[in-house]
Protein backbone atom coordinates (compact mmCIF):
# COMPACT_ATOMS: atom_id res chain seq x y z
CA MET A 1 -18.95 14.57 23.30
CA ILE A 2 -15.65 12.67 23.21
CA LEU A 3 -17.14 10.12 20.81
CA GLY A 4 -18.33 12.95 18.56
CA THR A 5 -14.86 14.50 18.49
CA PHE A 6 -13.26 11.14 17.75
CA LEU A 7 -15.78 10.41 14.99
CA GLY A 8 -15.26 13.87 13.47
CA ALA A 9 -11.49 13.40 13.49
CA PHE A 10 -11.85 9.94 11.94
CA ALA A 11 -14.11 11.34 9.20
CA THR A 12 -11.67 14.16 8.48
CA ILE A 13 -8.69 11.80 8.23
CA LEU A 14 -10.65 9.37 6.07
CA GLY A 15 -11.64 12.24 3.76
CA MET A 16 -8.01 13.32 3.48
CA ILE A 17 -6.92 9.77 2.62
CA ILE A 18 -9.64 9.49 -0.03
CA ASN A 19 -8.63 12.82 -1.59
CA LEU A 20 -4.95 11.82 -1.54
CA TYR A 21 -5.75 8.56 -3.31
CA ILE A 22 -7.82 10.44 -5.90
CA TRP A 23 -4.72 12.52 -6.68
CA VAL A 24 -2.62 9.36 -6.91
CA VAL A 25 -5.08 7.92 -9.45
CA ILE A 26 -5.08 11.16 -11.47
CA ILE A 27 -1.28 11.39 -11.50
CA ALA A 28 -0.93 7.72 -12.47
CA ALA A 29 -3.43 8.18 -15.31
CA LEU A 30 -1.62 11.26 -16.62
CA ILE A 31 1.78 9.57 -16.44
CA SER A 32 0.46 6.52 -18.29
CA TRP A 33 -0.21 8.69 -21.35
CA VAL A 34 3.49 9.41 -21.93
CA ARG A 35 4.88 5.84 -21.72
CA PRO A 36 7.01 6.24 -18.62
CA ASP A 37 10.06 4.18 -17.79
CA PRO A 38 8.69 1.11 -15.94
CA TYR A 39 11.86 0.96 -13.81
CA ASN A 40 11.36 4.46 -12.43
CA PRO A 41 10.62 4.16 -8.69
CA ILE A 42 7.82 6.73 -8.81
CA VAL A 43 6.11 4.88 -11.65
CA GLN A 44 6.48 1.61 -9.76
CA ILE A 45 4.93 3.10 -6.62
CA LEU A 46 2.03 4.57 -8.58
CA ASN A 47 1.43 1.22 -10.30
CA ARG A 48 1.52 -0.66 -6.99
CA LEU A 49 -1.01 1.75 -5.52
CA THR A 50 -3.44 1.79 -8.45
CA GLN A 51 -3.22 -1.48 -10.39
CA PRO A 52 -4.83 -3.70 -7.69
CA VAL A 53 -7.85 -1.41 -7.57
CA TYR A 54 -8.08 -1.32 -11.35
CA ALA A 55 -7.81 -5.12 -11.54
CA LYS A 56 -10.60 -5.57 -9.00
CA LEU A 57 -12.80 -3.10 -10.90
CA ARG A 58 -12.06 -4.78 -14.23
CA SER A 59 -13.08 -8.16 -12.78
CA ILE A 60 -16.47 -6.70 -11.81
CA ILE A 61 -17.32 -4.64 -14.90
CA PRO A 62 -15.73 -4.09 -18.32
CA THR A 63 -13.94 -0.75 -18.29
CA THR A 64 -12.50 -0.53 -21.80
CA ILE A 65 -14.53 1.35 -24.38
CA ALA A 66 -13.11 1.79 -27.89
CA GLY A 67 -9.60 1.03 -26.65
CA LEU A 68 -9.80 3.60 -23.85
CA ASP A 69 -9.53 2.31 -20.28
CA LEU A 70 -12.00 4.13 -18.06
CA SER A 71 -10.88 2.49 -14.81
CA PRO A 72 -9.25 5.64 -13.36
CA LEU A 73 -12.35 7.70 -14.10
CA ILE A 74 -14.66 5.16 -12.48
CA VAL A 75 -12.41 4.89 -9.42
CA VAL A 76 -12.33 8.68 -9.01
CA ILE A 77 -16.12 8.94 -9.34
CA VAL A 78 -16.71 6.19 -6.78
CA LEU A 79 -14.22 7.69 -4.33
CA LYS A 80 -15.70 11.16 -4.74
CA PHE A 81 -19.18 9.74 -4.15
CA ILE A 82 -17.93 8.12 -0.94
CA ASP A 83 -16.28 11.37 0.07
CA LEU A 84 -19.36 13.47 -0.57
CA SER A 85 -21.85 11.07 1.01
CA LEU A 86 -20.32 8.85 3.69
CA ILE A 87 -17.80 11.37 5.02
CA GLN A 88 -20.43 14.08 5.20
CA LEU A 89 -22.82 11.73 7.02
CA LEU A 90 -20.10 10.90 9.53
CA MET A 91 -19.37 14.59 10.07
CA ARG A 92 -23.03 15.43 10.64
CA TYR A 93 -23.46 12.48 12.99
CA ALA A 94 -20.35 13.54 14.90
CA ALA A 95 -21.70 17.08 15.24
CA ARG A 96 -24.90 15.73 16.84
CA LEU A 97 -23.03 13.71 19.48
């Protein structure tokens, strides 16, 4: 029972972190369309949070199609898949304990 509660709380927090990072990716992608000031602290934080993930993804598969970088879209899809599958499995498993 205690393990189930702990696992449910862990799954909930992990789901919140995944959803927060999805919003960070979306905001960074939208800001990149308007050529932001690279010295702006918000832009720097967004780049520090997203560029390492994009670089890792780009090293695995090509993400540019016709000059359009699809890295943010792929990252959001993968994170949403993890959220909808793994987090839900953890929640169901926690409910059984």
